[in-house]
Structures are given as structure tokens and as C-alpha cells.
C-alpha atoms as a PDB file:
ATOM      1  CA  UNK A   1      30.702  42.961 -75.739  1.00  0.00           C
ATOM      2  CA  UNK A   2      32.946  41.106 -73.284  1.00  0.00           C
ATOM      3  CA  UNK A   3      31.918  38.012 -71.426  1.00  0.00           C
ATOM      4  CA  UNK A   4      31.125  40.008 -68.278  1.00  0.00           C
ATOM      5  CA  UNK A   5      28.677  42.235 -70.108  1.00  0.00           C
ATOM      6  CA  UNK A   6      24.962  41.721 -69.410  1.00  0.00           C
ATOM      7  CA  UNK A   7      23.089  39.362 -71.694  1.00  0.00           C
ATOM      8  CA  UNK A   8      20.251  40.429 -73.981  1.00  0.00           C
ATOM      9  CA  UNK A   9      17.790  38.905 -71.519  1.00  0.00           C
ATOM     10  CA  UNK A  10      19.348  40.780 -68.573  1.00  0.00           C
ATOM     11  CA  UNK A  11      19.203  44.059 -70.492  1.00  0.00           C
ATOM     12  CA  UNK A  12      15.595  43.365 -71.461  1.00  0.00           C
ATOM     13  CA  UNK A  13      14.633  42.725 -67.842  1.00  0.00           C
ATOM     14  CA  UNK A  14      16.503  45.835 -66.666  1.00  0.00           C
ATOM     15  CA  UNK A  15      14.836  48.053 -69.262  1.00  0.00           C
ATOM     16  CA  UNK A  16      11.421  46.631 -68.350  1.00  0.00           C
ATOM     17  CA  UNK A  17      12.111  47.697 -64.738  1.00  0.00           C
ATOM     18  CA  UNK A  18      13.042  51.190 -65.923  1.00  0.00           C
ATOM     19  CA  UNK A  19      16.689  50.708 -64.905  1.00  0.00           C
ATOM     20  CA  UNK A  20      18.558  53.642 -66.414  1.00  0.00           C
ATOM     21  CA  UNK A  21      21.876  51.786 -66.181  1.00  0.00           C
ATOM     22  CA  UNK A  22      20.479  48.966 -68.315  1.00  0.00           C
ATOM     23  CA  UNK A  23      19.029  51.535 -70.724  1.00  0.00           C
ATOM     24  CA  UNK A  24      22.415  53.249 -71.092  1.00  0.00           C
ATOM     25  CA  UNK A  25      24.170  49.934 -71.724  1.00  0.00           C
ATOM     26  CA  UNK A  26      21.536  48.946 -74.285  1.00  0.00           C
ATOM     27  CA  UNK A  27      21.993  52.206 -76.204  1.00  0.00           C
ATOM     28  CA  UNK A  28      25.778  51.776 -76.093  1.00  0.00           C
ATOM     29  CA  UNK A  29      25.287  48.280 -77.515  1.00  0.00           C
ATOM     30  CA  UNK A  30      23.124  49.685 -80.329  1.00  0.00           C
ATOM     31  CA  UNK A  31      25.772  52.320 -81.102  1.00  0.00           C
ATOM     32  CA  UNK A  32      28.556  49.737 -81.386  1.00  0.00           C
ATOM     33  CA  UNK A  33      29.851  48.928 -84.861  1.00  0.00           C
ATOM     34  CA  UNK A  34      30.905  45.396 -83.918  1.00  0.00           C
ATOM     35  CA  UNK A  35      28.823  42.809 -85.815  1.00  0.00           C
ATOM     36  CA  UNK A  36      28.182  40.696 -82.699  1.00  0.00           C
ATOM     37  CA  UNK A  37      27.072  43.751 -80.723  1.00  0.00           C
ATOM     38  CA  UNK A  38      24.762  44.767 -83.547  1.00  0.00           C
ATOM     39  CA  UNK A  39      23.257  41.288 -83.661  1.00  0.00           C
ATOM     40  CA  UNK A  40      22.551  41.398 -79.920  1.00  0.00           C
ATOM     41  CA  UNK A  41      21.251  44.982 -80.071  1.00  0.00           C
ATOM     42  CA  UNK A  42      18.780  44.217 -82.840  1.00  0.00           C
ATOM     43  CA  UNK A  43      17.625  41.058 -81.019  1.00  0.00           C
ATOM     44  CA  UNK A  44      16.995  43.187 -77.925  1.00  0.00           C
ATOM     45  CA  UNK A  45      15.134  45.917 -79.819  1.00  0.00           C
ATOM     46  CA  UNK A  46      13.019  43.339 -81.668  1.00  0.00           C
ATOM     47  CA  UNK A  47      12.031  41.772 -78.334  1.00  0.00           C
ATOM     48  CA  UNK A  48      11.106  45.190 -76.937  1.00  0.00           C
ATOM     49  CA  UNK A  49       9.163  46.493 -79.960  1.00  0.00           C
ATOM     50  CA  UNK A  50       5.740  45.560 -78.479  1.00  0.00           C
ATOM     51  CA  UNK A  51       6.520  47.917 -75.568  1.00  0.00           C
ATOM     52  CA  UNK A  52       7.244  50.916 -77.809  1.00  0.00           C
ATOM     53  CA  UNK A  53       5.234  53.457 -79.780  1.00  0.00           C
ATOM     54  CA  UNK A  54       3.079  55.092 -77.116  1.00  0.00           C
ATOM     55  CA  UNK A  55       5.317  58.026 -76.196  1.00  0.00           C
ATOM     56  CA  UNK A  56       4.885  61.564 -77.499  1.00  0.00           C
ATOM     57  CA  UNK A  57       7.914  62.188 -79.718  1.00  0.00           C
ATOM     58  CA  UNK A  58       8.871  65.868 -79.915  1.00  0.00           C
ATOM     59  CA  UNK A  59      11.709  67.298 -81.970  1.00  0.00           C
ATOM     60  CA  UNK A  60      13.176  70.660 -81.004  1.00  0.00           C
ATOM     61  CA  UNK A  61      15.350  72.684 -83.331  1.00  0.00           C
ATOM     62  CA  UNK A  62      16.111  76.359 -83.695  1.00  0.00           C
ATOM     63  CA  UNK A  63      18.418  79.148 -84.701  1.00  0.00           C
ATOM     64  CA  UNK A  64      21.737  79.564 -82.840  1.00  0.00           C
ATOM     65  CA  UNK A  65      21.196  81.409 -79.592  1.00  0.00           C
ATOM     66  CA  UNK A  66      17.511  80.517 -79.368  1.00  0.00           C
ATOM     67  CA  UNK A  67      18.047  78.873 -75.988  1.00  0.00           C
ATOM     68  CA  UNK A  68      17.186  75.284 -76.922  1.00  0.00           C
ATOM     69  CA  UNK A  69      18.886  73.717 -73.909  1.00  0.00           C
ATOM     70  CA  UNK A  70      17.272  76.161 -71.476  1.00  0.00           C
ATOM     71  CA  UNK A  71      13.892  75.576 -73.109  1.00  0.00           C
ATOM     72  CA  UNK A  72      14.248  71.783 -72.970  1.00  0.00           C
ATOM     73  CA  UNK A  73      15.294  71.908 -69.335  1.00  0.00           C
ATOM     74  CA  UNK A  74      12.414  74.209 -68.362  1.00  0.00           C
ATOM     75  CA  UNK A  75       9.881  72.148 -70.328  1.00  0.00           C
ATOM     76  CA  UNK A  76      11.277  68.894 -68.970  1.00  0.00           C
ATOM     77  CA  UNK A  77      11.026  70.081 -65.364  1.00  0.00           C
ATOM     78  CA  UNK A  78       7.451  71.214 -66.007  1.00  0.00           C
ATOM     79  CA  UNK A  79       6.545  67.835 -67.500  1.00  0.00           C
ATOM     80  CA  UNK A  80       7.953  65.715 -64.681  1.00  0.00           C
ATOM     81  CA  UNK A  81       6.058  67.881 -62.186  1.00  0.00           C
ATOM     82  CA  UNK A  82       2.921  66.666 -63.953  1.00  0.00           C
ATOM     83  CA  UNK A  83       3.900  63.007 -63.747  1.00  0.00           C
ATOM     84  CA  UNK A  84       5.659  62.471 -67.068  1.00  0.00           C
ATOM     85  CA  UNK A  85       8.903  60.554 -67.582  1.00  0.00           C
ATOM     86  CA  UNK A  86      11.136  62.437 -70.009  1.00  0.00           C
ATOM     87  CA  UNK A  87      14.000  61.227 -72.201  1.00  0.00           C
ATOM     88  CA  UNK A  88      16.151  63.807 -74.007  1.00  0.00           C
ATOM     89  CA  UNK A  89      18.163  62.622 -77.007  1.00  0.00           C
ATOM     90  CA  UNK A  90      20.558  65.013 -78.701  1.00  0.00           C
ATOM     91  CA  UNK A  91      21.509  64.884 -82.377  1.00  0.00           C
ATOM     92  CA  UNK A  92      24.835  66.658 -82.894  1.00  0.00           C
ATOM     93  CA  UNK A  93      26.310  66.233 -86.387  1.00  0.00           C
ATOM     94  CA  UNK A  94      29.419  68.155 -85.231  1.00  0.00           C
ATOM     95  CA  UNK A  95      30.171  65.927 -82.243  1.00  0.00           C
ATOM     96  CA  UNK A  96      32.789  63.983 -84.186  1.00  0.00           C
ATOM     97  CA  UNK A  97      34.805  67.206 -84.478  1.00  0.00           C
ATOM     98  CA  UNK A  98      34.110  68.576 -81.005  1.00  0.00           C
ATOM     99  CA  UNK A  99      34.868  65.311 -79.260  1.00  0.00           C
ATOM    100  CA  UNK A 100      31.408  64.315 -78.102  1.00  0.00           C
ATOM    101  CA  UNK A 101      28.864  66.133 -76.012  1.00  0.00           C
ATOM    102  CA  UNK A 102      27.548  63.946 -73.189  1.00  0.00           C
ATOM    103  CA  UNK A 103      29.224  66.009 -70.463  1.00  0.00           C
ATOM    104  CA  UNK A 104      28.229  69.213 -72.249  1.00  0.00           C
ATOM    105  CA  UNK A 105      24.608  68.095 -72.375  1.00  0.00           C
ATOM    106  CA  UNK A 106      24.514  67.337 -68.684  1.00  0.00           C
ATOM    107  CA  UNK A 107      26.283  70.576 -67.829  1.00  0.00           C
ATOM    108  CA  UNK A 108      23.862  72.748 -69.779  1.00  0.00           C
ATOM    109  CA  UNK A 109      20.841  70.852 -68.389  1.00  0.00           C
ATOM    110  CA  UNK A 110      22.220  70.243 -64.901  1.00  0.00           C
ATOM    111  CA  UNK A 111      18.896  70.662 -63.076  1.00  0.00           C
ATOM    112  CA  UNK A 112      17.108  68.287 -65.412  1.00  0.00           C
ATOM    113  CA  UNK A 113      19.864  65.665 -65.525  1.00  0.00           C
ATOM    114  CA  UNK A 114      19.669  64.922 -61.777  1.00  0.00           C
ATOM    115  CA  UNK A 115      15.937  64.198 -61.808  1.00  0.00           C
ATOM    116  CA  UNK A 116      14.959  60.553 -61.295  1.00  0.00           C
ATOM    117  CA  UNK A 117      12.356  60.541 -64.080  1.00  0.00           C
ATOM    118  CA  UNK A 118      14.709  62.006 -66.697  1.00  0.00           C
ATOM    119  CA  UNK A 119      17.233  60.401 -69.047  1.00  0.00           C
ATOM    120  CA  UNK A 120      19.623  62.484 -71.178  1.00  0.00           C
ATOM    121  CA  UNK A 121      21.726  60.989 -73.958  1.00  0.00           C
ATOM    122  CA  UNK A 122      23.532  62.349 -77.059  1.00  0.00           C
ATOM    123  CA  UNK A 123      23.744  60.461 -80.360  1.00  0.00           C
ATOM    124  CA  UNK A 124      27.270  60.207 -81.788  1.00  0.00           C
ATOM    125  CA  UNK A 125      27.386  61.080 -85.455  1.00  0.00           C
ATOM    126  CA  UNK A 126      30.549  59.540 -86.775  1.00  0.00           C
ATOM    127  CA  UNK A 127      30.254  62.335 -89.336  1.00  0.00           C
ATOM    128  CA  UNK A 128      27.179  60.785 -90.996  1.00  0.00           C
ATOM    129  CA  UNK A 129      23.764  62.378 -90.487  1.00  0.00           C
ATOM    130  CA  UNK A 130      21.933  59.236 -91.549  1.00  0.00           C
ATOM    131  CA  UNK A 131      23.899  57.295 -88.962  1.00  0.00           C
ATOM    132  CA  UNK A 132      22.814  59.741 -86.290  1.00  0.00           C
ATOM    133  CA  UNK A 133      19.192  59.300 -87.282  1.00  0.00           C
ATOM    134  CA  UNK A 134      19.440  55.510 -87.117  1.00  0.00           C
ATOM    135  CA  UNK A 135      21.082  55.466 -83.692  1.00  0.00           C
ATOM    136  CA  UNK A 136      18.666  58.062 -82.375  1.00  0.00           C
ATOM    137  CA  UNK A 137      15.682  56.046 -83.610  1.00  0.00           C
ATOM    138  CA  UNK A 138      16.987  52.975 -81.817  1.00  0.00           C
ATOM    139  CA  UNK A 139      17.672  54.949 -78.634  1.00  0.00           C
ATOM    140  CA  UNK A 140      14.137  56.353 -78.842  1.00  0.00           C
ATOM    141  CA  UNK A 141      12.622  52.865 -79.020  1.00  0.00           C
ATOM    142  CA  UNK A 142      14.719  51.704 -76.070  1.00  0.00           C
ATOM    143  CA  UNK A 143      13.657  54.757 -74.014  1.00  0.00           C
ATOM    144  CA  UNK A 144       9.997  54.052 -74.777  1.00  0.00           C
ATOM    145  CA  UNK A 145      10.424  50.431 -73.678  1.00  0.00           C
ATOM    146  CA  UNK A 146      11.949  51.739 -70.434  1.00  0.00           C
ATOM    147  CA  UNK A 147       8.748  53.637 -69.686  1.00  0.00           C
ATOM    148  CA  UNK A 148       9.570  57.177 -70.818  1.00  0.00           C
ATOM    149  CA  UNK A 149       6.339  58.653 -72.172  1.00  0.00           C
ATOM    150  CA  UNK A 150       7.832  61.865 -73.581  1.00  0.00           C
ATOM    151  CA  UNK A 151      10.834  61.679 -75.900  1.00  0.00           C
ATOM    152  CA  UNK A 152      12.452  65.019 -76.724  1.00  0.00           C
ATOM    153  CA  UNK A 153      14.954  64.932 -79.580  1.00  0.00           C
ATOM    154  CA  UNK A 154      17.137  68.013 -79.858  1.00  0.00           C
ATOM    155  CA  UNK A 155      18.909  69.000 -83.051  1.00  0.00           C
ATOM    156  CA  UNK A 156      22.130  70.829 -82.231  1.00  0.00           C
ATOM    157  CA  UNK A 157      23.235  71.189 -85.815  1.00  0.00           C
ATOM    158  CA  UNK A 158      21.633  73.258 -88.554  1.00  0.00           C
ATOM    159  CA  UNK A 159      20.548  72.564 -92.107  1.00  0.00           C
ATOM    160  CA  UNK A 160      19.962  68.952 -93.110  1.00  0.00           C
ATOM    161  CA  UNK A 161      19.526  67.840 -89.485  1.00  0.00           C
ATOM    162  CA  UNK A 162      16.055  69.442 -89.340  1.00  0.00           C
ATOM    163  CA  UNK A 163      14.816  67.196 -92.140  1.00  0.00           C
ATOM    164  CA  UNK A 164      16.401  64.200 -90.374  1.00  0.00           C
ATOM    165  CA  UNK A 165      14.655  65.231 -87.164  1.00  0.00           C
ATOM    166  CA  UNK A 166      11.250  65.632 -88.803  1.00  0.00           C
ATOM    167  CA  UNK A 167      11.563  62.032 -90.037  1.00  0.00           C
ATOM    168  CA  UNK A 168      11.746  60.741 -86.455  1.00  0.00           C
ATOM    169  CA  UNK A 169       9.206  62.677 -84.420  1.00  0.00           C
ATOM    170  CA  UNK A 170       5.472  63.308 -84.218  1.00  0.00           C
ATOM    171  CA  UNK A 171       5.745  67.044 -83.548  1.00  0.00           C
ATOM    172  CA  UNK A 172       8.555  69.349 -84.651  1.00  0.00           C
ATOM    173  CA  UNK A 173       9.048  72.536 -82.625  1.00  0.00           C
ATOM    174  CA  UNK A 174      11.026  75.424 -84.109  1.00  0.00           C
ATOM    175  CA  UNK A 175      12.552  77.739 -81.515  1.00  0.00           C
ATOM    176  CA  UNK A 176      13.220  81.342 -82.560  1.00  0.00           C
ATOM    177  CA  UNK A 177      14.183  84.604 -80.861  1.00  0.00           C
ATOM    178  CA  UNK A 178      12.749  88.156 -80.792  1.00  0.00           C
ATOM    179  CA  UNK A 179      13.821  90.574 -83.495  1.00  0.00           C
ATOM    180  CA  UNK A 180      11.858  89.168 -86.407  1.00  0.00           C
ATOM    181  CA  UNK A 181      12.870  91.605 -89.149  1.00  0.00           C
ATOM    182  CA  UNK A 182      16.258  90.260 -90.228  1.00  0.00           C
ATOM    183  CA  UNK A 183      15.613  86.986 -88.417  1.00  0.00           C
ATOM    184  CA  UNK A 184      12.640  86.124 -90.620  1.00  0.00           C
ATOM    185  CA  UNK A 185      14.764  86.451 -93.728  1.00  0.00           C
ATOM    186  CA  UNK A 186      17.350  84.080 -92.251  1.00  0.00           C
ATOM    187  CA  UNK A 187      14.896  81.223 -91.642  1.00  0.00           C
ATOM    188  CA  UNK A 188      14.813  78.719 -94.454  1.00  0.00           C
ATOM    189  CA  UNK A 189      11.350  78.260 -95.881  1.00  0.00           C
ATOM    190  CA  UNK A 190      11.755  74.496 -95.756  1.00  0.00           C
ATOM    191  CA  UNK A 191      12.292  74.522 -92.002  1.00  0.00           C
ATOM    192  CA  UNK A 192       9.184  76.621 -91.389  1.00  0.00           C
ATOM    193  CA  UNK A 193       7.150  74.255 -93.571  1.00  0.00           C
ATOM    194  CA  UNK A 194       8.271  71.324 -91.421  1.00  0.00           C
ATOM    195  CA  UNK A 195       7.453  72.983 -88.091  1.00  0.00           C
ATOM    196  CA  UNK A 196       4.289  71.888 -86.252  1.00  0.00           C
ATOM    197  CA  UNK A 197       4.842  74.531 -83.573  1.00  0.00           C
ATOM    198  CA  UNK A 198       6.859  77.747 -83.570  1.00  0.00           C
ATOM    199  CA  UNK A 199       7.972  79.308 -80.290  1.00  0.00           C
ATOM    200  CA  UNK A 200       9.553  82.742 -79.953  1.00  0.00           C
ATOM    201  CA  UNK A 201      11.731  82.244 -76.885  1.00  0.00           C
ATOM    202  CA  UNK A 202      13.412  84.824 -74.622  1.00  0.00           C
ATOM    203  CA  UNK A 203      10.200  86.879 -74.424  1.00  0.00           C
ATOM    204  CA  UNK A 204      11.162  88.587 -71.182  1.00  0.00           C
ATOM    205  CA  UNK A 205      12.101  92.049 -69.956  1.00  0.00           C
ATOM    206  CA  UNK A 206      12.343  94.630 -72.710  1.00  0.00           C
ATOM    207  CA  UNK A 207      12.128  91.887 -75.352  1.00  0.00           C
ATOM    208  CA  UNK A 208       8.439  91.103 -74.783  1.00  0.00           C
ATOM    209  CA  UNK A 209       7.289  93.704 -77.320  1.00  0.00           C
ATOM    210  CA  UNK A 210       9.839  92.427 -79.839  1.00  0.00           C
ATOM    211  CA  UNK A 211       8.649  88.861 -79.253  1.00  0.00           C
ATOM    212  CA  UNK A 212       5.026  89.810 -79.856  1.00  0.00           C
ATOM    213  CA  UNK A 213       5.976  91.610 -83.056  1.00  0.00           C
ATOM    214  CA  UNK A 214       7.986  88.563 -84.181  1.00  0.00           C
ATOM    215  CA  UNK A 215       5.012  86.335 -83.427  1.00  0.00           C
ATOM    216  CA  UNK A 216       2.855  88.434 -85.751  1.00  0.00           C
ATOM    217  CA  UNK A 217       5.480  88.324 -88.507  1.00  0.00           C
ATOM    218  CA  UNK A 218       5.835  84.553 -88.306  1.00  0.00           C
ATOM    219  CA  UNK A 219       2.065  84.054 -88.304  1.00  0.00           C
ATOM    220  CA  UNK A 220       1.847  86.153 -91.441  1.00  0.00           C
ATOM    221  CA  UNK A 221       4.668  84.185 -93.086  1.00  0.00           C
ATOM    222  CA  UNK A 222       2.968  80.885 -92.277  1.00  0.00           C
ATOM    223  CA  UNK A 223      -0.165  81.895 -94.196  1.00  0.00           C
ATOM    224  CA  UNK A 224       1.869  81.614 -97.390  1.00  0.00           C
ATOM    225  CA  UNK A 225       3.091  78.084 -96.604  1.00  0.00           C
ATOM    226  CA  UNK A 226       1.314  74.720 -96.747  1.00  0.00           C
ATOM    227  CA  UNK A 227       0.409  73.233 -93.336  1.00  0.00           C
ATOM    228  CA  UNK A 228       2.904  70.865 -91.731  1.00  0.00           C
ATOM    229  CA  UNK A 229       0.023  68.505 -90.956  1.00  0.00           C
ATOM    230  CA  UNK A 230      -3.326  68.321 -92.795  1.00  0.00           C
ATOM    231  CA  UNK A 231      -5.995  70.095 -90.756  1.00  0.00           C
ATOM    232  CA  UNK A 232      -3.442  71.763 -88.478  1.00  0.00           C
ATOM    233  CA  UNK A 233      -2.750  75.498 -88.230  1.00  0.00           C
ATOM    234  CA  UNK A 234       0.782  75.861 -86.901  1.00  0.00           C
ATOM    235  CA  UNK A 235       0.648  77.905 -83.671  1.00  0.00           C
ATOM    236  CA  UNK A 236       3.184  80.663 -83.032  1.00  0.00           C
ATOM    237  CA  UNK A 237       3.687  81.259 -79.325  1.00  0.00           C
ATOM    238  CA  UNK A 238       5.925  83.386 -77.146  1.00  0.00           C
ATOM    239  CA  UNK A 239       7.710  82.090 -74.078  1.00  0.00           C
ATOM    240  CA  UNK A 240      10.567  82.696 -71.699  1.00  0.00           C
ATOM    241  CA  UNK A 241      12.268  79.463 -70.749  1.00  0.00           C
ATOM    242  CA  UNK A 242      14.477  81.410 -68.329  1.00  0.00           C
ATOM    243  CA  UNK A 243      11.429  82.743 -66.462  1.00  0.00           C
ATOM    244  CA  UNK A 244       9.268  79.655 -67.008  1.00  0.00           C
ATOM    245  CA  UNK A 245       6.488  81.491 -68.857  1.00  0.00           C
ATOM    246  CA  UNK A 246       4.583  80.049 -71.804  1.00  0.00           C
ATOM    247  CA  UNK A 247       5.560  76.435 -71.033  1.00  0.00           C
ATOM    248  CA  UNK A 248       2.010  75.334 -70.232  1.00  0.00           C
ATOM    249  CA  UNK A 249       0.755  76.737 -73.542  1.00  0.00           C
ATOM    250  CA  UNK A 250       3.590  75.045 -75.444  1.00  0.00           C
ATOM    251  CA  UNK A 251       2.701  71.634 -74.073  1.00  0.00           C
ATOM    252  CA  UNK A 252      -1.008  72.203 -74.668  1.00  0.00           C
ATOM    253  CA  UNK A 253      -0.189  72.781 -78.340  1.00  0.00           C
ATOM    254  CA  UNK A 254       1.930  69.614 -78.468  1.00  0.00           C
ATOM    255  CA  UNK A 255      -0.933  67.612 -76.943  1.00  0.00           C
ATOM    256  CA  UNK A 256      -3.477  69.187 -79.303  1.00  0.00           C
ATOM    257  CA  UNK A 257      -1.313  68.248 -82.278  1.00  0.00           C
ATOM    258  CA  UNK A 258      -0.947  64.692 -80.966  1.00  0.00           C
ATOM    259  CA  UNK A 259      -4.729  64.454 -80.491  1.00  0.00           C
ATOM    260  CA  UNK A 260      -5.288  65.549 -84.099  1.00  0.00           C
ATOM    261  CA  UNK A 261      -2.828  62.936 -85.347  1.00  0.00           C
ATOM    262  CA  UNK A 262      -4.526  60.182 -83.340  1.00  0.00           C
ATOM    263  CA  UNK A 263      -8.112  61.139 -84.194  1.00  0.00           C
ATOM    264  CA  UNK A 264      -7.393  61.442 -87.919  1.00  0.00           C
ATOM    265  CA  UNK A 265      -5.285  58.285 -88.140  1.00  0.00           C
ATOM    266  CA  UNK A 266      -2.315  60.386 -89.232  1.00  0.00           C
ATOM    267  CA  UNK A 267      -0.159  59.266 -86.299  1.00  0.00           C
ATOM    268  CA  UNK A 268      -0.088  55.671 -87.490  1.00  0.00           C
ATOM    269  CA  UNK A 269       0.370  56.754 -91.111  1.00  0.00           C
ATOM    270  CA  UNK A 270       3.144  59.218 -90.296  1.00  0.00           C
ATOM    271  CA  UNK A 271       5.056  56.646 -88.280  1.00  0.00           C
ATOM    272  CA  UNK A 272       4.532  53.989 -90.957  1.00  0.00           C
ATOM    273  CA  UNK A 273       5.980  56.305 -93.601  1.00  0.00           C
ATOM    274  CA  UNK A 274       8.886  57.210 -91.320  1.00  0.00           C
ATOM    275  CA  UNK A 275       9.657  53.527 -90.767  1.00  0.00           C
ATOM    276  CA  UNK A 276       9.510  52.824 -94.498  1.00  0.00           C
ATOM    277  CA  UNK A 277      11.907  55.675 -95.248  1.00  0.00           C
ATOM    278  CA  UNK A 278      14.172  54.429 -92.445  1.00  0.00           C
ATOM    279  CA  UNK A 279      14.157  50.969 -94.058  1.00  0.00           C
ATOM    280  CA  UNK A 280      14.927  52.430 -97.488  1.00  0.00           C
ATOM    281  CA  UNK A 281      17.853  54.461 -96.138  1.00  0.00           C
ATOM    282  CA  UNK A 282      19.214  51.469 -94.213  1.00  0.00           C
ATOM    283  CA  UNK A 283      19.069  49.280 -97.326  1.00  0.00           C
ATOM    284  CA  UNK A 284      20.835  51.937 -99.404  1.00  0.00           C
ATOM    285  CA  UNK A 285      23.472  52.350 -96.702  1.00  0.00           C
ATOM    286  CA  UNK A 286      24.035  48.576 -96.492  1.00  0.00           C
ATOM    287  CA  UNK A 287      24.214  48.140-100.268  1.00  0.00           C
ATOM    288  CA  UNK A 288      26.702  51.013-100.591  1.00  0.00           C
ATOM    289  CA  UNK A 289      28.860  49.546 -97.814  1.00  0.00           C
ATOM    290  CA  UNK A 290      28.743  46.131 -99.499  1.00  0.00           C
ATOM    291  CA  UNK A 291      29.845  47.628-102.822  1.00  0.00           C
ATOM    292  CA  UNK A 292      32.777  49.489-101.224  1.00  0.00           C
ATOM    293  CA  UNK A 293      33.851  46.324 -99.415  1.00  0.00           C
ATOM    294  CA  UNK A 294      34.422  44.462-102.692  1.00  0.00           C
ATOM    295  CA  UNK A 295      38.053  44.141-103.703  1.00  0.00           C
ATOM    296  CA  UNK A 296      39.176  46.689-106.267  1.00  0.00           C
ATOM    297  CA  UNK A 297      36.107  48.935-106.070  1.00  0.00           C
ATOM    298  CA  UNK A 298      37.674  51.815-104.134  1.00  0.00           C
ATOM    299  CA  UNK A 299      40.738  51.783-106.408  1.00  0.00           C
ATOM    300  CA  UNK A 300      38.429  51.876-109.442  1.00  0.00           C
ATOM    301  CA  UNK A 301      36.542  54.839-107.978  1.00  0.00           C
ATOM    302  CA  UNK A 302      39.825  56.666-107.351  1.00  0.00           C
ATOM    303  CA  UNK A 303      40.974  56.080-110.947  1.00  0.00           C
ATOM    304  CA  UNK A 304      37.534  57.016-112.290  1.00  0.00           C
ATOM    305  CA  UNK A 305      37.765  60.407-110.574  1.00  0.00           C
ATOM    306  CA  UNK A 306      41.176  60.996-112.120  1.00  0.00           C
ATOM    307  CA  UNK A 307      39.935  60.040-115.589  1.00  0.00           C
ATOM    308  CA  UNK A 308      36.814  62.203-115.305  1.00  0.00           C
ATOM    309  CA  UNK A 309      38.869  65.192-114.112  1.00  0.00           C
ATOM    310  CA  UNK A 310      41.214  64.672-117.066  1.00  0.00           C
ATOM    311  CA  UNK A 311      38.164  64.467-119.373  1.00  0.00           C
ATOM    312  CA  UNK A 312      39.283  61.057-120.642  1.00  0.00           C
ATOM    313  CA  UNK A 313      35.860  59.519-119.970  1.00  0.00           C
ATOM    314  CA  UNK A 314      32.375  60.760-119.161  1.00  0.00           C
ATOM    315  CA  UNK A 315      30.702  60.448-115.763  1.00  0.00           C
ATOM    316  CA  UNK A 316      28.307  57.699-117.001  1.00  0.00           C
ATOM    317  CA  UNK A 317      31.307  55.775-118.396  1.00  0.00           C
ATOM    318  CA  UNK A 318      33.133  56.124-115.091  1.00  0.00           C
ATOM    319  CA  UNK A 319      30.062  54.916-113.256  1.00  0.00           C
ATOM    320  CA  UNK A 320      29.904  51.893-115.524  1.00  0.00           C
ATOM    321  CA  UNK A 321      33.520  51.008-114.674  1.00  0.00           C
ATOM    322  CA  UNK A 322      32.699  51.108-110.953  1.00  0.00           C
ATOM    323  CA  UNK A 323      29.614  48.933-111.481  1.00  0.00           C
ATOM    324  CA  UNK A 324      31.707  46.399-113.394  1.00  0.00           C
ATOM    325  CA  UNK A 325      34.394  46.404-110.678  1.00  0.00           C
ATOM    326  CA  UNK A 326      31.687  45.657-108.109  1.00  0.00           C
ATOM    327  CA  UNK A 327      30.494  42.711-110.196  1.00  0.00           C
ATOM    328  CA  UNK A 328      27.092  44.273-110.754  1.00  0.00           C
ATOM    329  CA  UNK A 329      27.291  44.901-114.495  1.00  0.00           C
ATOM    330  CA  UNK A 330      24.874  42.083-115.302  1.00  0.00           C
ATOM    331  CA  UNK A 331      22.185  43.597-113.083  1.00  0.00           C
ATOM    332  CA  UNK A 332      22.397  46.846-115.049  1.00  0.00           C
ATOM    333  CA  UNK A 333      21.551  45.325-118.430  1.00  0.00           C
END
């Protein structure tokens, strides 16, 4: 940060007022890789922690073409009409290759992005999913401190990002499309097990019958899977984000799930476990970075790969060489 940049105290005061400009600058600070920026960002977040934790955190993922952006925009508009303040954070593991997505996000949610009680922000990946999760978590805390009571986190990527997303939110919504036959076979079992709510979107026109059939197929499939949350039967609903139907029922399910978490004490436990896993991953990331930063380690790794490929040494022997180069051999004994 340059000398003309706002201080931690100024950012804190701006966020407390709900100033979106201050919120944007704070998230940019948290995303910076500069050590001094990181020090200031973590000081700011630590100061704001007492003001966080009350929002409903919803993750939305889905198959390609499921209409996630349209659904988020429609749901967001419905929520602000009922007095909510909504923050939308986008996880895009491909953004490093596509050149970022902030303008794309605002273009595909143009109605939502101009609303006063809405904040939309992507999380840059830098090609590392774990990094996305960390930055998104920090952005989520900053949004909560700024007074946003609904945080929607959208996963643009597929695969591992769903597991990352489930580790950050209270309720994970899986968005699907009509035409369940082949579609059902294409959904990974693991993703369905994680989902707290399944919505068959695009249930409009001549696709309503298909959507209802898909709903029945997904309900049947869920009977063979363990519940995402103890005591919770994952609802399968149909909706049309384009026509605005089914949105009320979707949010009622989200609120019912939140109520179950609160009444059972699972909300606190789930968030505690998420924070612990976040801590573990951060420690592992920091230790790995520290090892790579030691002189000679990367060269040793490069040579170890060559020797393993040539079958001169075994993988455990190669690992031992790297450990010795990092000066950690004594800790291994």
C-alpha cells in the first residue's frame, strides 16, 4: 500500500459504516501478496472479527448451463426486496487463465450489481484452489462486518471447487437442469452428498414436466446417500430463475436449514471445524512455502525427479534428500 492509501483504522471505520468503497479496498488489501499489506489486512480482519459470523452463508454450485448467474441474480433481487443486504463472492479457479472475471460477473448480473444493498466480488485464484478459499473466507468476513446479512458464494469451476465451497458455507445449494436421465449419471456422488439443497432450474415452458421428473429421480437418488446434515432431509425443488418462480420456496429451505443448524448447535460446530481445517491448510501452505524458500531445495527437488525417473533412487530416498536439503533431517529421526 502506498502512503496515500487509507489506514487500517480508516478502512475499519468505512466498513463499519457499510461503505462499499472501503470494503472493496479492504478485500484488495487482503488479496495482496505483499508482506506489509498482509500484515495490515490481518490486523483489520482481527479488529473486525467481533462484527462477523451472523450472516447466512450460502454456497451455490451446479452443472454447466444450469443458470447459476441468473439464479443468483433472481434470488438476490428477491432477498433485497425483503430487506436483506446481499454480498456475492465468486470462486473461479480458471480466472488466472481467462484474465479475471469482475467485469464478467457484473455483466451477467447487471440488474443485481446496480442495487445499493448488493456487493459483487470475484476471488482471484492465482491457479491455487486453496488460495481462492482463503481469500474468499477473508472477503466473506469483511462483507459480514460491513453489514451484509446474506453471503452467496458461487463456484464457477467444477470438481474440487465444490469441496472447497462446502468448507466455507452453512448451506450448499446444487443447481441442476431438467432432463434427469443422462444428467443423473453425470453428477458425482460426492457432490450430491455435500448438497443441503438441490434445485432443478429452468423449470419453465415445455420443460416443467421434465423438471418434475428430474426432481423425482434426484429424490430417489438421495435416499441412497447419507444426509448432508444430521437430522436434515435434503429438499429437491424446481424453479425458474428466468421467470422468478420457486425462489420463495428456495429461501424457505435455506432458512429452515439454518434454523436446524442453530437449534441443534451444529452451526457453531460446523463453523468451528471449518476454521480448524482452514488453520491446518494455512499452516501446511506456510510450511511448504518456507521449505521451498530455503536455498538449494528446489534444485534438490529437480534432481530428485530426474533420479527417480532414471530409477537410480526410490521415492522415499528422494524425499529424504529433499528433507536434508531443507535442513529438516533431524526432525524426521
